C-alpha atoms as a PDB file:
ATOM      1  CA  UNK A   1     100.328 111.060  92.381  1.00  0.00           C
ATOM      2  CA  UNK A   2      99.971 107.996  90.188  1.00  0.00           C
ATOM      3  CA  UNK A   3     102.014 104.893  90.999  1.00  0.00           C
ATOM      4  CA  UNK A   4     102.428 102.153  88.392  1.00  0.00           C
ATOM      5  CA  UNK A   5     103.670  98.695  89.355  1.00  0.00           C
ATOM      6  CA  UNK A   6     105.644  96.604  86.908  1.00  0.00           C
ATOM      7  CA  UNK A   7     105.432  93.990  85.532  1.00  0.00           C
ATOM      8  CA  UNK A   8     101.751  93.690  86.565  1.00  0.00           C
ATOM      9  CA  UNK A   9     100.686  97.098  85.231  1.00  0.00           C
ATOM     10  CA  UNK A  10      98.597  97.719  88.366  1.00  0.00           C
ATOM     11  CA  UNK A  11      98.156 101.394  89.230  1.00  0.00           C
ATOM     12  CA  UNK A  12      97.028 103.367  92.261  1.00  0.00           C
ATOM     13  CA  UNK A  13      96.932 106.929  93.551  1.00  0.00           C
ATOM     14  CA  UNK A  14      99.225 107.968  96.404  1.00  0.00           C
ATOM     15  CA  UNK A  15      98.267 111.076  98.356  1.00  0.00           C
ATOM     16  CA  UNK A  16     100.978 113.328  99.767  1.00  0.00           C
ATOM     17  CA  UNK A  17     102.340 112.009 103.061  1.00  0.00           C
ATOM     18  CA  UNK A  18     100.762 108.541 102.738  1.00  0.00           C
ATOM     19  CA  UNK A  19     103.254 105.681 102.492  1.00  0.00           C
ATOM     20  CA  UNK A  20     103.286 103.770  99.253  1.00  0.00           C
ATOM     21  CA  UNK A  21     102.392 100.588 101.137  1.00  0.00           C
ATOM     22  CA  UNK A  22      99.293 102.160 102.719  1.00  0.00           C
ATOM     23  CA  UNK A  23      98.229 103.782  99.442  1.00  0.00           C
ATOM     24  CA  UNK A  24      98.516 100.443  97.636  1.00  0.00           C
ATOM     25  CA  UNK A  25      96.500  98.673 100.336  1.00  0.00           C
ATOM     26  CA  UNK A  26      93.798 101.356 100.177  1.00  0.00           C
ATOM     27  CA  UNK A  27      93.562 100.693  96.434  1.00  0.00           C
ATOM     28  CA  UNK A  28      93.173  96.928  96.956  1.00  0.00           C
ATOM     29  CA  UNK A  29      96.740  96.046  95.989  1.00  0.00           C
ATOM     30  CA  UNK A  30      98.915  93.791  98.115  1.00  0.00           C
ATOM     31  CA  UNK A  31     102.647  94.427  98.280  1.00  0.00           C
ATOM     32  CA  UNK A  32     104.994  92.187 100.260  1.00  0.00           C
ATOM     33  CA  UNK A  33     105.386  93.559 103.800  1.00  0.00           C
ATOM     34  CA  UNK A  34     106.156  92.557 107.341  1.00  0.00           C
ATOM     35  CA  UNK A  35     107.624  95.033 109.845  1.00  0.00           C
ATOM     36  CA  UNK A  36     106.201  98.253 108.331  1.00  0.00           C
ATOM     37  CA  UNK A  37     108.972 100.318 109.915  1.00  0.00           C
ATOM     38  CA  UNK A  38     111.781 100.134 107.346  1.00  0.00           C
ATOM     39  CA  UNK A  39     113.976  97.459 108.893  1.00  0.00           C
ATOM     40  CA  UNK A  40     113.008  93.984 107.622  1.00  0.00           C
ATOM     41  CA  UNK A  41     113.346  94.715 103.863  1.00  0.00           C
ATOM     42  CA  UNK A  42     110.405  92.457 102.950  1.00  0.00           C
ATOM     43  CA  UNK A  43     108.852  95.241 100.867  1.00  0.00           C
ATOM     44  CA  UNK A  44     112.038  96.314  99.037  1.00  0.00           C
ATOM     45  CA  UNK A  45     111.498  97.255  95.411  1.00  0.00           C
ATOM     46  CA  UNK A  46     113.230  99.331  92.766  1.00  0.00           C
ATOM     47  CA  UNK A  47     112.048 102.743  91.626  1.00  0.00           C
ATOM     48  CA  UNK A  48     112.178 102.734  87.816  1.00  0.00           C
ATOM     49  CA  UNK A  49     111.049 106.339  87.364  1.00  0.00           C
ATOM     50  CA  UNK A  50     109.881 109.295  89.422  1.00  0.00           C
ATOM     51  CA  UNK A  51     110.845 110.633  92.818  1.00  0.00           C
ATOM     52  CA  UNK A  52     110.141 109.385  96.327  1.00  0.00           C
ATOM     53  CA  UNK A  53     111.486 110.022  99.797  1.00  0.00           C
ATOM     54  CA  UNK A  54     111.730 107.955 102.946  1.00  0.00           C
ATOM     55  CA  UNK A  55     109.998 109.158 106.114  1.00  0.00           C
ATOM     56  CA  UNK A  56     112.816 107.928 108.331  1.00  0.00           C
ATOM     57  CA  UNK A  57     116.413 109.156 108.340  1.00  0.00           C
ATOM     58  CA  UNK A  58     118.112 105.929 107.306  1.00  0.00           C
ATOM     59  CA  UNK A  59     115.866 103.041 106.265  1.00  0.00           C
ATOM     60  CA  UNK A  60     117.251  99.491 106.031  1.00  0.00           C
ATOM     61  CA  UNK A  61     119.034 100.177 102.731  1.00  0.00           C
ATOM     62  CA  UNK A  62     122.710 100.531 101.908  1.00  0.00           C
ATOM     63  CA  UNK A  63     124.025 103.731 100.351  1.00  0.00           C
ATOM     64  CA  UNK A  64     124.515 101.907  97.032  1.00  0.00           C
ATOM     65  CA  UNK A  65     120.961 100.536  97.089  1.00  0.00           C
ATOM     66  CA  UNK A  66     119.587 104.034  97.618  1.00  0.00           C
ATOM     67  CA  UNK A  67     121.695 105.368  94.729  1.00  0.00           C
ATOM     68  CA  UNK A  68     120.412 102.517  92.509  1.00  0.00           C
ATOM     69  CA  UNK A  69     116.782 103.452  93.244  1.00  0.00           C
ATOM     70  CA  UNK A  70     115.833 100.769  95.755  1.00  0.00           C
ATOM     71  CA  UNK A  71     113.134 101.885  98.197  1.00  0.00           C
ATOM     72  CA  UNK A  72     111.112 100.520 101.100  1.00  0.00           C
ATOM     73  CA  UNK A  73     107.432 101.315 100.352  1.00  0.00           C
ATOM     74  CA  UNK A  74     106.446 100.869 104.004  1.00  0.00           C
ATOM     75  CA  UNK A  75     108.316 104.091 104.879  1.00  0.00           C
ATOM     76  CA  UNK A  76     108.430 105.863 101.493  1.00  0.00           C
ATOM     77  CA  UNK A  77     106.118 108.494 100.023  1.00  0.00           C
ATOM     78  CA  UNK A  78     105.738 109.622  96.420  1.00  0.00           C
ATOM     79  CA  UNK A  79     107.161 112.997  95.435  1.00  0.00           C
ATOM     80  CA  UNK A  80     105.963 112.608  91.819  1.00  0.00           C
ATOM     81  CA  UNK A  81     104.321 109.974  89.644  1.00  0.00           C
ATOM     82  CA  UNK A  82     106.272 106.733  90.105  1.00  0.00           C
ATOM     83  CA  UNK A  83     106.938 103.462  88.365  1.00  0.00           C
ATOM     84  CA  UNK A  84     108.110 100.668  90.660  1.00  0.00           C
ATOM     85  CA  UNK A  85     109.466  97.206  89.873  1.00  0.00           C
ATOM     86  CA  UNK A  86     107.387  95.053  92.226  1.00  0.00           C
ATOM     87  CA  UNK A  87     107.024  91.556  90.735  1.00  0.00           C
ATOM     88  CA  UNK A  88     105.124  90.203  93.767  1.00  0.00           C
ATOM     89  CA  UNK A  89     102.381  92.872  93.729  1.00  0.00           C
ATOM     90  CA  UNK A  90      98.881  91.549  93.247  1.00  0.00           C
ATOM     91  CA  UNK A  91      95.344  92.859  93.224  1.00  0.00           C
ATOM     92  CA  UNK A  92      93.261  91.667  96.155  1.00  0.00           C
ATOM     93  CA  UNK A  93      89.906  90.101  95.358  1.00  0.00           C
ATOM     94  CA  UNK A  94      86.816  91.703  96.870  1.00  0.00           C
END
């Protein structure tokens, strides 16, 4: 599935079952992260379009945040093509 990051316009492919954070890293894109287990909220971003699901029962998000499309890429996988609002995303230099 294709994942587009706004406002940078960076894109990467996310294979089924691979977290969005790992897929971005594999594509040479850095997203904010720290704990990588869904508790610290460093990676929080908003899903603008598409579907995703979290790999853990209740990640560090409130009910209202989940309803409003906020996700934690460290424990989320794509269910369709996605567009995410991730202002701090950046391409890593080789």
